Amino acid sequence: MKKFLKSLFGCKSQPECPVCQQNAAPEENGPLKLACPWTTYYYQLKALFRKDARIKAAFDEDDRAVKLYADDPDKYWALTVLMPETVSFGNVVVKNIVIPANGAAPEPKSMTYREAAHALFAGNESVADIVDVENVLFGELTYVVFKPEVVQFFNDDLQDINGLCSTLNADICREILGPTAAGIRFGTAPADPVVGKPLGEWP
């Protein structure tokens, strides 16, 4: 059991996380150490953009910041529009810093939330479709529809034997981008088969 816990909480199971590199596997009689809570946030962003070669996420422990490197001018400005500048974990504040991959800031560009959503997720292989609609109640809405696939990352989750979090891209976006991306909705394409019926068709 101790060997399992060591593999679950130690850096060997999370080699890419700069925060967890400090949480080495405990000594035989030493205390267990969990990854910092903002590690989950970093892994969420890393997973969200894992199929977009033009965006890379990295964690800077010294600056306590998630750095997003954008190798595309439109994606750079889309990130600045949609990403919150900071996120709080109790009394700890983590910064989101958008950086042009080539080191040179692109020409200034103004974007609406709708334009930013299209630019940010263009070419992301996890995305099935992006649909603009006009809604009587809510006005202009943009739906980012992800493919029905499971996203997994290490999360020190004791409910999972491998310590994994299994979630959806849409859930990650709702948590991270939902509060700041006005008029943008995130969902998942139907899987086959879809269980049940629309509520209006009951009984």
C-alpha atoms as a PDB file:
ATOM      1  CA  MET A   1       0.000   0.000   0.000  1.00  0.00           C
ATOM      2  CA  LYS A   2       2.849   2.390   0.828  1.00  0.00           C
ATOM      3  CA  LYS A   3       4.408   1.763  -2.567  1.00  0.00           C
ATOM      4  CA  PHE A   4       1.084   2.575  -4.218  1.00  0.00           C
ATOM      5  CA  LEU A   5       0.742   5.808  -2.266  1.00  0.00           C
ATOM      6  CA  LYS A   6       4.279   6.789  -3.152  1.00  0.00           C
ATOM      7  CA  SER A   7       3.618   6.245  -6.836  1.00  0.00           C
ATOM      8  CA  LEU A   8       0.373   8.187  -6.559  1.00  0.00           C
ATOM      9  CA  PHE A   9       1.690  11.232  -4.714  1.00  0.00           C
ATOM     10  CA  GLY A  10       5.322  11.327  -5.763  1.00  0.00           C
ATOM     11  CA  CYS A  11       6.785  13.172  -8.754  1.00  0.00           C
ATOM     12  CA  LYS A  12       7.420   9.939 -10.650  1.00  0.00           C
ATOM     13  CA  SER A  13       3.716   9.766 -11.419  1.00  0.00           C
ATOM     14  CA  GLN A  14       3.614  13.445 -12.403  1.00  0.00           C
ATOM     15  CA  PRO A  15       6.922  14.175 -14.149  1.00  0.00           C
ATOM     16  CA  GLU A  16       5.741  17.208 -16.120  1.00  0.00           C
ATOM     17  CA  CYS A  17       4.431  19.243 -13.189  1.00  0.00           C
ATOM     18  CA  PRO A  18       6.975  21.784 -11.882  1.00  0.00           C
ATOM     19  CA  VAL A  19       5.065  22.118  -8.618  1.00  0.00           C
ATOM     20  CA  CYS A  20       4.993  18.382  -7.963  1.00  0.00           C
ATOM     21  CA  GLN A  21       8.707  18.049  -8.619  1.00  0.00           C
ATOM     22  CA  GLN A  22       9.165  19.547  -5.163  1.00  0.00           C
ATOM     23  CA  ASN A  23       6.866  16.947  -3.638  1.00  0.00           C
ATOM     24  CA  ALA A  24       9.261  14.011  -3.802  1.00  0.00           C
ATOM     25  CA  ALA A  25       8.026  10.580  -2.746  1.00  0.00           C
ATOM     26  CA  PRO A  26       7.995  10.481   1.054  1.00  0.00           C
ATOM     27  CA  GLU A  27      10.506   8.537   3.069  1.00  0.00           C
ATOM     28  CA  GLU A  28       9.325   5.268   4.551  1.00  0.00           C
ATOM     29  CA  ASN A  29       8.244   6.952   7.778  1.00  0.00           C
ATOM     30  CA  GLY A  30       7.820  10.513   6.472  1.00  0.00           C
ATOM     31  CA  PRO A  31       4.594  12.448   5.819  1.00  0.00           C
ATOM     32  CA  LEU A  32       2.692  12.243   2.553  1.00  0.00           C
ATOM     33  CA  LYS A  33       2.630  15.405   0.440  1.00  0.00           C
ATOM     34  CA  LEU A  34      -0.121  16.266  -2.006  1.00  0.00           C
ATOM     35  CA  ALA A  35       0.329  18.388  -5.099  1.00  0.00           C
ATOM     36  CA  CYS A  36      -0.651  22.033  -4.715  1.00  0.00           C
ATOM     37  CA  PRO A  37      -4.284  22.720  -5.719  1.00  0.00           C
ATOM     38  CA  TRP A  38      -3.300  24.992  -8.597  1.00  0.00           C
ATOM     39  CA  THR A  39      -1.528  22.041 -10.213  1.00  0.00           C
ATOM     40  CA  THR A  40      -4.982  20.853 -11.286  1.00  0.00           C
ATOM     41  CA  TYR A  41      -5.579  24.202 -12.977  1.00  0.00           C
ATOM     42  CA  TYR A  42      -2.314  23.903 -14.898  1.00  0.00           C
ATOM     43  CA  TYR A  43      -3.110  20.342 -15.989  1.00  0.00           C
ATOM     44  CA  GLN A  44      -6.573  21.410 -17.126  1.00  0.00           C
ATOM     45  CA  LEU A  45      -5.087  24.016 -19.466  1.00  0.00           C
ATOM     46  CA  LYS A  46      -2.398  21.622 -20.646  1.00  0.00           C
ATOM     47  CA  ALA A  47      -5.070  19.025 -21.464  1.00  0.00           C
ATOM     48  CA  LEU A  48      -7.391  21.559 -23.136  1.00  0.00           C
ATOM     49  CA  PHE A  49      -4.754  22.619 -25.643  1.00  0.00           C
ATOM     50  CA  ARG A  50      -2.996  19.270 -26.022  1.00  0.00           C
ATOM     51  CA  LYS A  51      -4.302  18.911 -29.598  1.00  0.00           C
ATOM     52  CA  ASP A  52      -3.472  22.445 -30.673  1.00  0.00           C
ATOM     53  CA  ALA A  53       0.159  22.638 -31.792  1.00  0.00           C
ATOM     54  CA  ARG A  54       0.076  26.439 -31.675  1.00  0.00           C
ATOM     55  CA  ILE A  55      -0.583  26.782 -27.939  1.00  0.00           C
ATOM     56  CA  LYS A  56       1.609  25.373 -25.167  1.00  0.00           C
ATOM     57  CA  ALA A  57       1.058  25.640 -21.417  1.00  0.00           C
ATOM     58  CA  ALA A  58       3.863  25.782 -18.846  1.00  0.00           C
ATOM     59  CA  PHE A  59       3.947  26.423 -15.112  1.00  0.00           C
ATOM     60  CA  ASP A  60       6.399  28.879 -13.557  1.00  0.00           C
ATOM     61  CA  GLU A  61       6.654  28.137  -9.842  1.00  0.00           C
ATOM     62  CA  ASP A  62       8.870  31.163  -9.141  1.00  0.00           C
ATOM     63  CA  ASP A  63       6.309  33.586 -10.605  1.00  0.00           C
ATOM     64  CA  ARG A  64       3.394  31.358  -9.557  1.00  0.00           C
ATOM     65  CA  ALA A  65       1.996  31.696 -13.042  1.00  0.00           C
ATOM     66  CA  VAL A  66       0.633  29.608 -15.872  1.00  0.00           C
ATOM     67  CA  LYS A  67       2.336  30.760 -19.061  1.00  0.00           C
ATOM     68  CA  LEU A  68       0.543  30.190 -22.342  1.00  0.00           C
ATOM     69  CA  TYR A  69       2.796  30.379 -25.385  1.00  0.00           C
ATOM     70  CA  ALA A  70       0.847  31.202 -28.554  1.00  0.00           C
ATOM     71  CA  ASP A  71       2.473  30.585 -31.929  1.00  0.00           C
ATOM     72  CA  ASP A  72      -0.234  32.492 -33.795  1.00  0.00           C
ATOM     73  CA  PRO A  73      -1.244  36.193 -33.567  1.00  0.00           C
ATOM     74  CA  ASP A  74      -4.983  35.508 -33.541  1.00  0.00           C
ATOM     75  CA  LYS A  75      -4.659  32.870 -30.842  1.00  0.00           C
ATOM     76  CA  TYR A  76      -2.475  35.224 -28.811  1.00  0.00           C
ATOM     77  CA  TRP A  77      -5.134  37.945 -28.793  1.00  0.00           C
ATOM     78  CA  ALA A  78      -7.937  35.424 -28.297  1.00  0.00           C
ATOM     79  CA  LEU A  79      -6.235  34.182 -25.131  1.00  0.00           C
ATOM     80  CA  THR A  80      -5.869  37.739 -23.823  1.00  0.00           C
ATOM     81  CA  VAL A  81      -9.611  38.273 -24.383  1.00  0.00           C
ATOM     82  CA  LEU A  82     -10.946  35.006 -22.978  1.00  0.00           C
ATOM     83  CA  MET A  83      -8.519  34.043 -20.214  1.00  0.00           C
ATOM     84  CA  PRO A  84      -8.889  35.625 -16.758  1.00  0.00           C
ATOM     85  CA  GLU A  85      -5.791  37.545 -15.696  1.00  0.00           C
ATOM     86  CA  THR A  86      -5.629  35.747 -12.350  1.00  0.00           C
ATOM     87  CA  VAL A  87      -7.289  32.868 -10.536  1.00  0.00           C
ATOM     88  CA  SER A  88      -7.433  32.480  -6.758  1.00  0.00           C
ATOM     89  CA  PHE A  89      -6.924  29.343  -4.683  1.00  0.00           C
ATOM     90  CA  GLY A  90      -7.703  30.483  -1.163  1.00  0.00           C
ATOM     91  CA  ASN A  91      -5.094  33.097  -0.348  1.00  0.00           C
ATOM     92  CA  VAL A  92      -2.885  32.073  -3.288  1.00  0.00           C
ATOM     93  CA  VAL A  93      -3.239  33.958  -6.575  1.00  0.00           C
ATOM     94  CA  VAL A  94      -1.998  32.368  -9.786  1.00  0.00           C
ATOM     95  CA  LYS A  95      -1.418  34.581 -12.813  1.00  0.00           C
ATOM     96  CA  ASN A  96      -2.227  33.690 -16.406  1.00  0.00           C
ATOM     97  CA  ILE A  97       0.433  35.134 -18.702  1.00  0.00           C
ATOM     98  CA  VAL A  98       0.037  34.989 -22.485  1.00  0.00           C
ATOM     99  CA  ILE A  99       3.350  35.036 -24.342  1.00  0.00           C
ATOM    100  CA  PRO A 100       4.039  35.111 -28.084  1.00  0.00           C
ATOM    101  CA  ALA A 101       6.060  32.007 -28.911  1.00  0.00           C
ATOM    102  CA  ASN A 102       8.584  33.975 -30.979  1.00  0.00           C
ATOM    103  CA  GLY A 103       9.034  36.570 -28.239  1.00  0.00           C
ATOM    104  CA  ALA A 104       7.681  39.486 -30.283  1.00  0.00           C
ATOM    105  CA  ALA A 105       4.213  40.821 -29.451  1.00  0.00           C
ATOM    106  CA  PRO A 106       1.937  40.812 -32.528  1.00  0.00           C
ATOM    107  CA  GLU A 107       0.241  43.929 -33.836  1.00  0.00           C
ATOM    108  CA  PRO A 108      -2.622  45.041 -31.556  1.00  0.00           C
ATOM    109  CA  LYS A 109      -5.965  43.571 -32.553  1.00  0.00           C
ATOM    110  CA  SER A 110      -9.439  44.102 -31.146  1.00  0.00           C
ATOM    111  CA  MET A 111     -11.666  41.024 -30.807  1.00  0.00           C
ATOM    112  CA  THR A 112     -15.197  40.357 -29.655  1.00  0.00           C
ATOM    113  CA  TYR A 113     -15.802  37.308 -27.486  1.00  0.00           C
ATOM    114  CA  ARG A 114     -17.322  35.556 -30.516  1.00  0.00           C
ATOM    115  CA  GLU A 115     -14.324  36.311 -32.705  1.00  0.00           C
ATOM    116  CA  ALA A 116     -11.978  35.238 -29.915  1.00  0.00           C
ATOM    117  CA  ALA A 117     -13.757  31.901 -29.493  1.00  0.00           C
ATOM    118  CA  HIS A 118     -13.440  31.147 -33.205  1.00  0.00           C
ATOM    119  CA  ALA A 119      -9.768  32.146 -33.230  1.00  0.00           C
ATOM    120  CA  LEU A 120      -8.823  30.304 -30.038  1.00  0.00           C
ATOM    121  CA  PHE A 121     -10.296  26.942 -31.009  1.00  0.00           C
ATOM    122  CA  ALA A 122      -9.578  27.035 -34.749  1.00  0.00           C
ATOM    123  CA  GLY A 123      -7.515  23.995 -35.683  1.00  0.00           C
ATOM    124  CA  ASN A 124      -7.904  22.331 -32.287  1.00  0.00           C
ATOM    125  CA  GLU A 125      -8.478  18.672 -33.113  1.00  0.00           C
ATOM    126  CA  SER A 126     -10.593  18.219 -29.979  1.00  0.00           C
ATOM    127  CA  VAL A 127     -13.245  20.581 -31.374  1.00  0.00           C
ATOM    128  CA  ALA A 128     -16.075  19.176 -33.509  1.00  0.00           C
ATOM    129  CA  ASP A 129     -17.732  22.482 -34.459  1.00  0.00           C
ATOM    130  CA  ILE A 130     -18.193  26.146 -33.559  1.00  0.00           C
ATOM    131  CA  VAL A 131     -21.710  27.441 -34.126  1.00  0.00           C
ATOM    132  CA  ASP A 132     -23.021  31.021 -33.963  1.00  0.00           C
ATOM    133  CA  VAL A 133     -26.712  31.463 -33.175  1.00  0.00           C
ATOM    134  CA  GLU A 134     -29.090  34.301 -32.451  1.00  0.00           C
ATOM    135  CA  ASN A 135     -31.183  33.743 -29.341  1.00  0.00           C
ATOM    136  CA  VAL A 136     -34.323  35.712 -28.474  1.00  0.00           C
ATOM    137  CA  LEU A 137     -33.532  35.649 -24.758  1.00  0.00           C
ATOM    138  CA  PHE A 138     -29.738  35.917 -24.734  1.00  0.00           C
ATOM    139  CA  GLY A 139     -28.888  37.625 -28.018  1.00  0.00           C
ATOM    140  CA  GLU A 140     -25.774  36.418 -29.830  1.00  0.00           C
ATOM    141  CA  LEU A 141     -24.426  33.092 -28.609  1.00  0.00           C
ATOM    142  CA  THR A 142     -21.481  31.017 -29.795  1.00  0.00           C
ATOM    143  CA  TYR A 143     -21.387  27.299 -29.079  1.00  0.00           C
ATOM    144  CA  VAL A 144     -17.995  25.597 -28.998  1.00  0.00           C
ATOM    145  CA  VAL A 145     -18.792  21.902 -29.470  1.00  0.00           C
ATOM    146  CA  PHE A 146     -16.113  19.400 -28.486  1.00  0.00           C
ATOM    147  CA  LYS A 147     -15.794  15.830 -29.679  1.00  0.00           C
ATOM    148  CA  PRO A 148     -17.164  13.236 -27.212  1.00  0.00           C
ATOM    149  CA  GLU A 149     -13.825  12.183 -25.747  1.00  0.00           C
ATOM    150  CA  VAL A 150     -12.538  11.808 -22.210  1.00  0.00           C
ATOM    151  CA  VAL A 151      -9.689  14.023 -20.991  1.00  0.00           C
ATOM    152  CA  GLN A 152      -7.418  12.591 -18.295  1.00  0.00           C
ATOM    153  CA  PHE A 153      -4.641  14.032 -16.177  1.00  0.00           C
ATOM    154  CA  PHE A 154      -2.965  13.305 -12.841  1.00  0.00           C
ATOM    155  CA  ASN A 155      -4.779  14.917  -9.951  1.00  0.00           C
ATOM    156  CA  ASP A 156      -3.872  13.035  -6.752  1.00  0.00           C
ATOM    157  CA  ASP A 157      -7.411  11.643  -6.851  1.00  0.00           C
ATOM    158  CA  LEU A 158      -7.834   8.949  -4.193  1.00  0.00           C
ATOM    159  CA  GLN A 159     -11.130   7.873  -5.771  1.00  0.00           C
ATOM    160  CA  ASP A 160      -9.192   6.669  -8.814  1.00  0.00           C
ATOM    161  CA  ILE A 161      -6.661   3.844  -8.484  1.00  0.00           C
ATOM    162  CA  ASN A 162      -4.323   5.668 -10.889  1.00  0.00           C
ATOM    163  CA  GLY A 163      -4.801   9.081  -9.265  1.00  0.00           C
ATOM    164  CA  LEU A 164      -6.390  10.438 -12.437  1.00  0.00           C
ATOM    165  CA  CYS A 165      -9.058  13.031 -13.097  1.00  0.00           C
ATOM    166  CA  SER A 166     -11.317  12.034 -15.998  1.00  0.00           C
ATOM    167  CA  THR A 167     -13.392  14.859 -17.409  1.00  0.00           C
ATOM    168  CA  LEU A 168     -14.546  16.601 -20.605  1.00  0.00           C
ATOM    169  CA  ASN A 169     -13.068  19.543 -22.483  1.00  0.00           C
ATOM    170  CA  ALA A 170     -16.402  21.321 -22.171  1.00  0.00           C
ATOM    171  CA  ASP A 171     -16.291  21.031 -18.372  1.00  0.00           C
ATOM    172  CA  ILE A 172     -12.758  22.459 -18.299  1.00  0.00           C
ATOM    173  CA  CYS A 173     -13.845  25.411 -20.444  1.00  0.00           C
ATOM    174  CA  ARG A 174     -16.919  26.105 -18.346  1.00  0.00           C
ATOM    175  CA  GLU A 175     -14.796  26.227 -15.214  1.00  0.00           C
ATOM    176  CA  ILE A 176     -11.898  28.283 -16.587  1.00  0.00           C
ATOM    177  CA  LEU A 177     -13.378  30.394 -19.396  1.00  0.00           C
ATOM    178  CA  GLY A 178     -17.062  30.424 -18.492  1.00  0.00           C
ATOM    179  CA  PRO A 179     -16.899  33.279 -15.944  1.00  0.00           C
ATOM    180  CA  THR A 180     -15.142  35.668 -18.369  1.00  0.00           C
ATOM    181  CA  ALA A 181     -16.296  34.564 -21.846  1.00  0.00           C
ATOM    182  CA  ALA A 182     -19.668  36.301 -22.131  1.00  0.00           C
ATOM    183  CA  GLY A 183     -21.972  34.762 -24.732  1.00  0.00           C
ATOM    184  CA  ILE A 184     -19.783  31.675 -25.240  1.00  0.00           C
ATOM    185  CA  ARG A 185     -21.199  28.256 -24.445  1.00  0.00           C
ATOM    186  CA  PHE A 186     -19.241  25.013 -24.240  1.00  0.00           C
ATOM    187  CA  GLY A 187     -20.689  21.591 -24.933  1.00  0.00           C
ATOM    188  CA  THR A 188     -19.994  18.091 -26.198  1.00  0.00           C
ATOM    189  CA  ALA A 189     -21.152  16.496 -29.439  1.00  0.00           C
ATOM    190  CA  PRO A 190     -23.608  13.621 -28.990  1.00  0.00           C
ATOM    191  CA  ALA A 191     -22.068  10.219 -28.430  1.00  0.00           C
ATOM    192  CA  ASP A 192     -23.589   7.129 -29.996  1.00  0.00           C
ATOM    193  CA  PRO A 193     -25.974   6.122 -28.622  1.00  0.00           C
ATOM    194  CA  VAL A 194     -27.476   9.026 -26.692  1.00  0.00           C
ATOM    195  CA  VAL A 195     -29.475   7.783 -23.711  1.00  0.00           C
ATOM    196  CA  GLY A 196     -32.979   9.117 -23.109  1.00  0.00           C
ATOM    197  CA  LYS A 197     -35.185  11.666 -24.849  1.00  0.00           C
ATOM    198  CA  PRO A 198     -35.563  15.458 -24.774  1.00  0.00           C
ATOM    199  CA  LEU A 199     -37.701  16.479 -21.809  1.00  0.00           C
ATOM    200  CA  GLY A 200     -40.408  17.799 -24.144  1.00  0.00           C
ATOM    201  CA  GLU A 201     -40.990  14.296 -25.498  1.00  0.00           C
ATOM    202  CA  TRP A 202     -41.931  12.657 -22.196  1.00  0.00           C
ATOM    203  CA  PRO A 203     -43.647  10.416 -21.378  1.00  0.00           C
END
